[in-house]
Amino acid sequence: MDPRKWINLEAQAPQDIVRTDESAFAFLQLSWTTRLYCFGGCLLGGIGCQILGAILLFLGSLAGFGVLFVIGIILALAGSGFLVGFASQLKGMFAPIRIVATALFLISVVVVCLMAFWLQNEALTLIFVIVEGLAYAWYSISYIPYARDLIKRTFSACF
């Protein structure tokens, strides 16, 4: 199966989004299978960091929660760089179809850190963690064909 079929190509540049050739990873000498394992490892590591962060939040360590949650979500995001190539990932993050979600995600990462370390406000930290998660989800589903349209139609029909 061609891996490009599950990628959202509606607002993409004509070049391939998923890098199935080895040229993007020639300096690392990573095969497609190894890159899939690296993606899975980063994703699982990110989820693990987020779970540990949640445990720390319940134990009363807001700073530990903030650090682990931010590291977890960035690690999960970086894992997809193994699939598409890190330069392509950065280029895709700032494509017009994803710029709002990317900007909201990056701003919320900074605000979560500010709330957790500087203001030490649990309520605002949790609010911006939720915003960060939603921005990451919106960014992620932009790669699934018609997923954003489906979600928009579903919510507009419900509300």
C-alpha atoms as a PDB file:
ATOM      1  CA  MET A   1       0.000   0.000   0.000  1.00  0.00           C
ATOM      2  CA  ASP A   2       1.277   3.418  -0.895  1.00  0.00           C
ATOM      3  CA  PRO A   3       1.859   5.332   2.377  1.00  0.00           C
ATOM      4  CA  ARG A   4       0.901   8.612   0.697  1.00  0.00           C
ATOM      5  CA  LYS A   5      -2.737   7.544   0.463  1.00  0.00           C
ATOM      6  CA  TRP A   6      -3.444   8.201   4.140  1.00  0.00           C
ATOM      7  CA  ILE A   7      -1.852  11.642   4.137  1.00  0.00           C
ATOM      8  CA  ASN A   8      -3.906  14.788   3.610  1.00  0.00           C
ATOM      9  CA  LEU A   9      -2.811  15.992   0.188  1.00  0.00           C
ATOM     10  CA  GLU A  10      -5.480  18.640  -0.315  1.00  0.00           C
ATOM     11  CA  ALA A  11      -3.273  21.612   0.610  1.00  0.00           C
ATOM     12  CA  GLN A  12       0.167  20.121   0.165  1.00  0.00           C
ATOM     13  CA  ALA A  13       2.994  20.952  -2.136  1.00  0.00           C
ATOM     14  CA  PRO A  14       3.347  18.655  -5.143  1.00  0.00           C
ATOM     15  CA  GLN A  15       6.350  16.839  -3.660  1.00  0.00           C
ATOM     16  CA  ASP A  16       5.770  13.733  -1.578  1.00  0.00           C
ATOM     17  CA  ILE A  17       4.856  14.282   2.046  1.00  0.00           C
ATOM     18  CA  VAL A  18       5.814  10.848   3.339  1.00  0.00           C
ATOM     19  CA  ARG A  19       9.436  10.135   2.626  1.00  0.00           C
ATOM     20  CA  THR A  20       9.585   6.482   1.571  1.00  0.00           C
ATOM     21  CA  ASP A  21      12.925   6.908  -0.123  1.00  0.00           C
ATOM     22  CA  GLU A  22      16.086   6.627   1.919  1.00  0.00           C
ATOM     23  CA  SER A  23      17.595   9.968   0.856  1.00  0.00           C
ATOM     24  CA  ALA A  24      16.138  11.945   3.766  1.00  0.00           C
ATOM     25  CA  PHE A  25      17.636   9.502   6.251  1.00  0.00           C
ATOM     26  CA  ALA A  26      20.767   8.426   4.388  1.00  0.00           C
ATOM     27  CA  PHE A  27      23.044  10.054   6.954  1.00  0.00           C
ATOM     28  CA  LEU A  28      21.323   8.071   9.731  1.00  0.00           C
ATOM     29  CA  GLN A  29      21.127   4.865   7.655  1.00  0.00           C
ATOM     30  CA  LEU A  30      17.586   4.163   8.890  1.00  0.00           C
ATOM     31  CA  SER A  31      15.298   1.836   6.978  1.00  0.00           C
ATOM     32  CA  TRP A  32      11.543   2.450   6.752  1.00  0.00           C
ATOM     33  CA  THR A  33      10.967  -0.223   9.416  1.00  0.00           C
ATOM     34  CA  THR A  34      13.493   1.372  11.765  1.00  0.00           C
ATOM     35  CA  ARG A  35      11.866   4.762  11.251  1.00  0.00           C
ATOM     36  CA  LEU A  36       8.478   3.231  12.149  1.00  0.00           C
ATOM     37  CA  TYR A  37      10.014   1.808  15.330  1.00  0.00           C
ATOM     38  CA  CYS A  38      11.522   5.211  16.170  1.00  0.00           C
ATOM     39  CA  PHE A  39       8.137   6.848  15.622  1.00  0.00           C
ATOM     40  CA  GLY A  40       6.445   4.285  17.861  1.00  0.00           C
ATOM     41  CA  GLY A  41       9.131   4.652  20.510  1.00  0.00           C
ATOM     42  CA  CYS A  42       8.823   8.438  20.546  1.00  0.00           C
ATOM     43  CA  LEU A  43       5.038   8.224  20.661  1.00  0.00           C
ATOM     44  CA  LEU A  44       5.061   5.723  23.537  1.00  0.00           C
ATOM     45  CA  GLY A  45       7.774   7.707  25.342  1.00  0.00           C
ATOM     46  CA  GLY A  46       5.691  10.862  24.962  1.00  0.00           C
ATOM     47  CA  ILE A  47       2.580   9.168  26.289  1.00  0.00           C
ATOM     48  CA  GLY A  48       4.626   7.731  29.166  1.00  0.00           C
ATOM     49  CA  CYS A  49       5.955  11.183  30.071  1.00  0.00           C
ATOM     50  CA  GLN A  50       2.428  12.573  30.034  1.00  0.00           C
ATOM     51  CA  ILE A  51       1.165   9.785  32.303  1.00  0.00           C
ATOM     52  CA  LEU A  52       4.057  10.325  34.725  1.00  0.00           C
ATOM     53  CA  GLY A  53       3.312  14.040  34.632  1.00  0.00           C
ATOM     54  CA  ALA A  54      -0.327  13.381  35.512  1.00  0.00           C
ATOM     55  CA  ILE A  55       0.786  11.233  38.447  1.00  0.00           C
ATOM     56  CA  LEU A  56       3.051  14.051  39.629  1.00  0.00           C
ATOM     57  CA  LEU A  57       0.157  16.493  39.366  1.00  0.00           C
ATOM     58  CA  PHE A  58      -1.935  14.332  41.680  1.00  0.00           C
ATOM     59  CA  LEU A  59       1.027  14.140  44.063  1.00  0.00           C
ATOM     60  CA  GLY A  60       1.171  17.943  44.127  1.00  0.00           C
ATOM     61  CA  SER A  61       4.171  18.671  41.914  1.00  0.00           C
ATOM     62  CA  LEU A  62       2.942  21.230  39.425  1.00  0.00           C
ATOM     63  CA  ALA A  63       6.424  21.959  38.065  1.00  0.00           C
ATOM     64  CA  GLY A  64       7.112  18.249  37.479  1.00  0.00           C
ATOM     65  CA  PHE A  65       3.769  17.911  35.735  1.00  0.00           C
ATOM     66  CA  GLY A  66       4.485  20.891  33.486  1.00  0.00           C
ATOM     67  CA  VAL A  67       7.926  19.622  32.515  1.00  0.00           C
ATOM     68  CA  LEU A  68       6.866  16.042  31.824  1.00  0.00           C
ATOM     69  CA  PHE A  69       3.728  16.998  29.947  1.00  0.00           C
ATOM     70  CA  VAL A  70       5.554  19.417  27.650  1.00  0.00           C
ATOM     71  CA  ILE A  71       8.406  16.945  27.075  1.00  0.00           C
ATOM     72  CA  GLY A  72       5.871  14.209  26.363  1.00  0.00           C
ATOM     73  CA  ILE A  73       3.908  16.104  23.769  1.00  0.00           C
ATOM     74  CA  ILE A  74       7.029  17.444  22.045  1.00  0.00           C
ATOM     75  CA  LEU A  75       8.532  13.944  22.014  1.00  0.00           C
ATOM     76  CA  ALA A  76       5.361  12.565  20.435  1.00  0.00           C
ATOM     77  CA  LEU A  77       5.402  15.353  17.847  1.00  0.00           C
ATOM     78  CA  ALA A  78       9.077  14.793  17.086  1.00  0.00           C
ATOM     79  CA  GLY A  79       8.379  11.102  16.512  1.00  0.00           C
ATOM     80  CA  SER A  80       6.455  11.904  13.374  1.00  0.00           C
ATOM     81  CA  GLY A  81       9.650  13.471  12.029  1.00  0.00           C
ATOM     82  CA  PHE A  82      10.934   9.931  11.595  1.00  0.00           C
ATOM     83  CA  LEU A  83       8.063   9.234   9.205  1.00  0.00           C
ATOM     84  CA  VAL A  84       8.124  12.324   7.031  1.00  0.00           C
ATOM     85  CA  GLY A  85      11.621  13.669   7.632  1.00  0.00           C
ATOM     86  CA  PHE A  86      12.399  16.427  10.075  1.00  0.00           C
ATOM     87  CA  ALA A  87      12.764  19.195   7.497  1.00  0.00           C
ATOM     88  CA  SER A  88       9.507  18.173   5.834  1.00  0.00           C
ATOM     89  CA  GLN A  89       7.845  18.082   9.237  1.00  0.00           C
ATOM     90  CA  LEU A  90       8.878  21.660  10.006  1.00  0.00           C
ATOM     91  CA  LYS A  91       7.836  22.800   6.549  1.00  0.00           C
ATOM     92  CA  GLY A  92       4.494  21.033   6.937  1.00  0.00           C
ATOM     93  CA  MET A  93       3.901  22.506  10.386  1.00  0.00           C
ATOM     94  CA  PHE A  94       3.959  25.995   8.935  1.00  0.00           C
ATOM     95  CA  ALA A  95       1.901  25.197   5.838  1.00  0.00           C
ATOM     96  CA  PRO A  96      -1.182  27.435   5.525  1.00  0.00           C
ATOM     97  CA  ILE A  97      -3.553  24.611   6.448  1.00  0.00           C
ATOM     98  CA  ARG A  98      -1.729  24.003   9.761  1.00  0.00           C
ATOM     99  CA  ILE A  99      -0.334  27.394  10.752  1.00  0.00           C
ATOM    100  CA  VAL A 100      -3.109  28.227  13.231  1.00  0.00           C
ATOM    101  CA  ALA A 101      -2.882  24.872  15.011  1.00  0.00           C
ATOM    102  CA  THR A 102       0.919  25.055  15.042  1.00  0.00           C
ATOM    103  CA  ALA A 103       0.967  28.603  16.411  1.00  0.00           C
ATOM    104  CA  LEU A 104      -1.608  27.754  19.070  1.00  0.00           C
ATOM    105  CA  PHE A 105       0.364  24.637  20.001  1.00  0.00           C
ATOM    106  CA  LEU A 106       3.692  26.457  20.315  1.00  0.00           C
ATOM    107  CA  ILE A 107       2.154  29.328  22.269  1.00  0.00           C
ATOM    108  CA  SER A 108       0.409  26.920  24.627  1.00  0.00           C
ATOM    109  CA  VAL A 109       3.693  25.052  25.263  1.00  0.00           C
ATOM    110  CA  VAL A 110       5.277  28.320  26.375  1.00  0.00           C
ATOM    111  CA  VAL A 111       2.236  29.329  28.447  1.00  0.00           C
ATOM    112  CA  VAL A 112       2.088  25.919  30.177  1.00  0.00           C
ATOM    113  CA  CYS A 113       5.710  26.366  31.223  1.00  0.00           C
ATOM    114  CA  LEU A 114       5.028  29.926  32.417  1.00  0.00           C
ATOM    115  CA  MET A 115       1.981  28.853  34.409  1.00  0.00           C
ATOM    116  CA  ALA A 116       3.728  25.850  35.958  1.00  0.00           C
ATOM    117  CA  PHE A 117       7.034  27.514  36.872  1.00  0.00           C
ATOM    118  CA  TRP A 118       6.518  31.232  37.149  1.00  0.00           C
ATOM    119  CA  LEU A 119       2.935  31.751  38.330  1.00  0.00           C
ATOM    120  CA  GLN A 120       2.508  28.219  39.761  1.00  0.00           C
ATOM    121  CA  ASN A 121      -1.203  28.364  39.026  1.00  0.00           C
ATOM    122  CA  GLU A 122      -2.693  24.866  38.777  1.00  0.00           C
ATOM    123  CA  ALA A 123      -5.991  25.879  37.191  1.00  0.00           C
ATOM    124  CA  LEU A 124      -4.401  27.922  34.401  1.00  0.00           C
ATOM    125  CA  THR A 125      -1.777  25.238  33.838  1.00  0.00           C
ATOM    126  CA  LEU A 126      -4.493  22.621  33.347  1.00  0.00           C
ATOM    127  CA  ILE A 127      -6.473  24.913  31.049  1.00  0.00           C
ATOM    128  CA  PHE A 128      -3.469  25.493  28.807  1.00  0.00           C
ATOM    129  CA  VAL A 129      -2.537  21.791  28.893  1.00  0.00           C
ATOM    130  CA  ILE A 130      -6.009  21.100  27.501  1.00  0.00           C
ATOM    131  CA  VAL A 131      -5.540  23.841  24.876  1.00  0.00           C
ATOM    132  CA  GLU A 132      -2.153  22.354  23.994  1.00  0.00           C
ATOM    133  CA  GLY A 133      -3.636  18.872  23.629  1.00  0.00           C
ATOM    134  CA  LEU A 134      -6.496  20.124  21.460  1.00  0.00           C
ATOM    135  CA  ALA A 135      -4.093  22.109  19.252  1.00  0.00           C
ATOM    136  CA  TYR A 136      -1.893  19.025  18.878  1.00  0.00           C
ATOM    137  CA  ALA A 137      -4.914  16.886  18.013  1.00  0.00           C
ATOM    138  CA  TRP A 138      -6.143  19.440  15.446  1.00  0.00           C
ATOM    139  CA  TYR A 139      -2.653  19.568  13.929  1.00  0.00           C
ATOM    140  CA  SER A 140      -2.442  15.767  13.831  1.00  0.00           C
ATOM    141  CA  ILE A 141      -5.788  15.217  12.172  1.00  0.00           C
ATOM    142  CA  SER A 142      -4.846  17.630   9.413  1.00  0.00           C
ATOM    143  CA  TYR A 143      -2.841  14.738   7.966  1.00  0.00           C
ATOM    144  CA  ILE A 144      -5.919  12.497   7.723  1.00  0.00           C
ATOM    145  CA  PRO A 145      -7.926  13.195   4.563  1.00  0.00           C
ATOM    146  CA  TYR A 146     -11.221  14.961   5.285  1.00  0.00           C
ATOM    147  CA  ALA A 147     -10.929  14.421   9.059  1.00  0.00           C
ATOM    148  CA  ARG A 148     -11.173  18.122   9.851  1.00  0.00           C
ATOM    149  CA  ASP A 149     -14.253  18.465   7.652  1.00  0.00           C
ATOM    150  CA  LEU A 150     -15.862  15.479   9.356  1.00  0.00           C
ATOM    151  CA  ILE A 151     -15.196  16.900  12.822  1.00  0.00           C
ATOM    152  CA  LYS A 152     -16.454  20.350  11.828  1.00  0.00           C
ATOM    153  CA  ARG A 153     -19.669  18.873  10.386  1.00  0.00           C
ATOM    154  CA  THR A 154     -20.176  16.671  13.433  1.00  0.00           C
ATOM    155  CA  PHE A 155     -19.829  19.560  15.875  1.00  0.00           C
ATOM    156  CA  SER A 156     -21.932  21.905  13.774  1.00  0.00           C
ATOM    157  CA  ALA A 157     -24.692  19.307  13.681  1.00  0.00           C
ATOM    158  CA  CYS A 158     -24.493  18.834  17.469  1.00  0.00           C
ATOM    159  CA  PHE A 159     -24.409  22.470  18.423  1.00  0.00           C
END
